Each structure stands twice: as C-alpha cells, then as structure tokens.
C-alpha cells in the first residue's frame, strides 16, 4: 500500500521533469521520456535487492555466476529490450488515441497480440543469446535419445539449446508457441543429472506441449489484457481520476494510474491462472510417466540440486508460482497410482 501511494505521489514530479527534458513541446515525446524515467526509477529501486539476492543469498549457496559488471550490463540490456518493445507500442497508441476514441482498446489489444507473436518467434534466435550463453546441443547419446523421444510423440522439434546463465540452476524447458518448437537444457542439468532424469524432465515438457499449456496460458492472458484495456478505456477519460490524485490530465499518466489501481485485480487473475496451470502441470507429469520415465526421481533430484523447498503451502504455491511444488506433484502422481491399483 505504501509503495502504491508512493508510485502515485511521484507521477506529477516525473511528468514535470519529462517536460523539461523534452526538446520540443510534444505530448508523445514527453510521454516516452516519462516512461523511460519510470523504468529507470524502478530499476534503481530494485537494484539493492537484486545485489543482495545475487551476491549474498545465491553466492552463499553456490548459485551465483555473475560479477557486478555482468549484473549491471544485464540490467542495461533488459532496459533496452523493454524499451524496444514498449516505446514503439506507446507511440502508436498515443498517435491513434485521438483518432479512434472508444475503439482504441481494440486496436491496442490487436497490436499487443501481434507484438507477442513476434517476440515468441524471434526470442530463441535473437533475444535469448543476448542474456544467456546458449549453443546447439552437441552430437552424442543425449541428442539421439532426445530425437527418439520427440519422434515418438510427434513433437516438431526444431532445435535443442544448451544454456549457461547467471545461476547454477538445473532446468529443462520447452518453448515455442508460434513457428518453431525448441527445448532448452541447462548445462548444469547435463552435468548433475543422469540421462534418465533428463529424459523424464523432457517428457514433462513434451507433456506441456501435448496439453497446450502455453497456448492456454496465452489465451488467458490475451482475454485478461482485452478486459483490462476495455476497463482502462472506460475510465481513462474521467477527469475525476486526475483531479483526485492531483496529476496532469495526460493519457499516459491515466494508463499508469489505472495500472496501479488494477493491481489487486491482476493478483486475482494470477491466482485463477495459476490454479489452471497447476492442473496442466500434473497432467504433464502423468504424460512423462506414461512414456516410461521415472518423473518422481527426476523431480526430487532437480529440486534437491536447486535447493527448492520440497513442501510449500498449497495456497501460497498457487498464489506465487505457476508450477506446483514437488510435494504436491508427487502426491498427485501417488494418488493417481492408487486409483489405478
């Protein structure tokens, strides 16, 4: 609550600074500078916590691979990446706002969806290598076994990437919603897990592909964004919003205010989304098990290496995580076996 009030309180000052910095009297340019200042402020506020996380907590348990220079460089990269996505979108919306009126939310919704598709397609080839070291999986038994498993379930695998990021976490991930489908395997997974465990985790990721995990998540987010944009559109022209918070009546400020006020609704949406995603996670575990893999052993080994808590409160798990804890997943697998028996 205090942070939300601070975020509302500092808006007039940031807008005035943006006007002073802007070389011309243009709402669009001032709005873009305003967004950049808000992003820089958020990055600077989060930086001490990020430093503590990396160099105190993760360093203590052997998970930190970063130096101070690489951490700061990654922060700069994230700002550039977000700017390349957000600033053009903001510019388009501000240009269209006076022309489209109450239909603006529909066009914004479509533009966001198209931008999401583009990001999903280019991410593994142009974005991911910018943040983590990645290379195609080398020839060998693991690649042969992965190819066999993918062919067995008709998974249209394009590539398998081996990554080395800032942590020593063990993970296997499937990505690809539009266009190519690919697998990401951490180099630490190859070093610390045996072949069967890696294949079991891959089987789980193939289960996510089979049950349309990412498609369902994208549809839910698309619907939520559409609802949110419609709600914003209904309220953004209400002058009382600006007078009550003592801020300039500017379109971009209205969007920022409504984003803060709608945060509780986003929390509710997250809880609903995670509830559905947890069920799909259980389904993916069963998919891996039906392929003949020991998914239980793989989950326990992975979370043991990652020092993850094996038991988490179920409500906390749904509220904060889009994947269930290993205890919940093992319980679901056990209960399913009991029913089959």
Foldseek 3Di string as FASTA:
>chain_A
DVVLLVLLQCLQVLLVVLCVPDPDPDLLSSLLSSVLVVLVVVCVVCVVVVCCCQVPVQVVVQWFQDDPVLVVVVSVVVSVVVCVLPSVLSSVLVVCCVVQQLCSLVVSLVVVVVSVLVCLVCCVPPPVVVAWPKDFDDDDDLVVVVVVVCVVVVNQADTEIEIEHRTLAFAKAWGHDPDHTYIYGYPSNVVQPDSLLVLLRVLLRVLCVVVVLVVVLVVLVSVVSSVLSSVLSVPLPPVVLCVVSVHDSRNSSSVVSSVSVCVVVVLVSQLVQLVVLQVSSLSSSVSSVVVVGPNLVSLVSNCVVVVHDQDDDPSVCSRPHSYHHSVVSVVSVVVVVVVVD
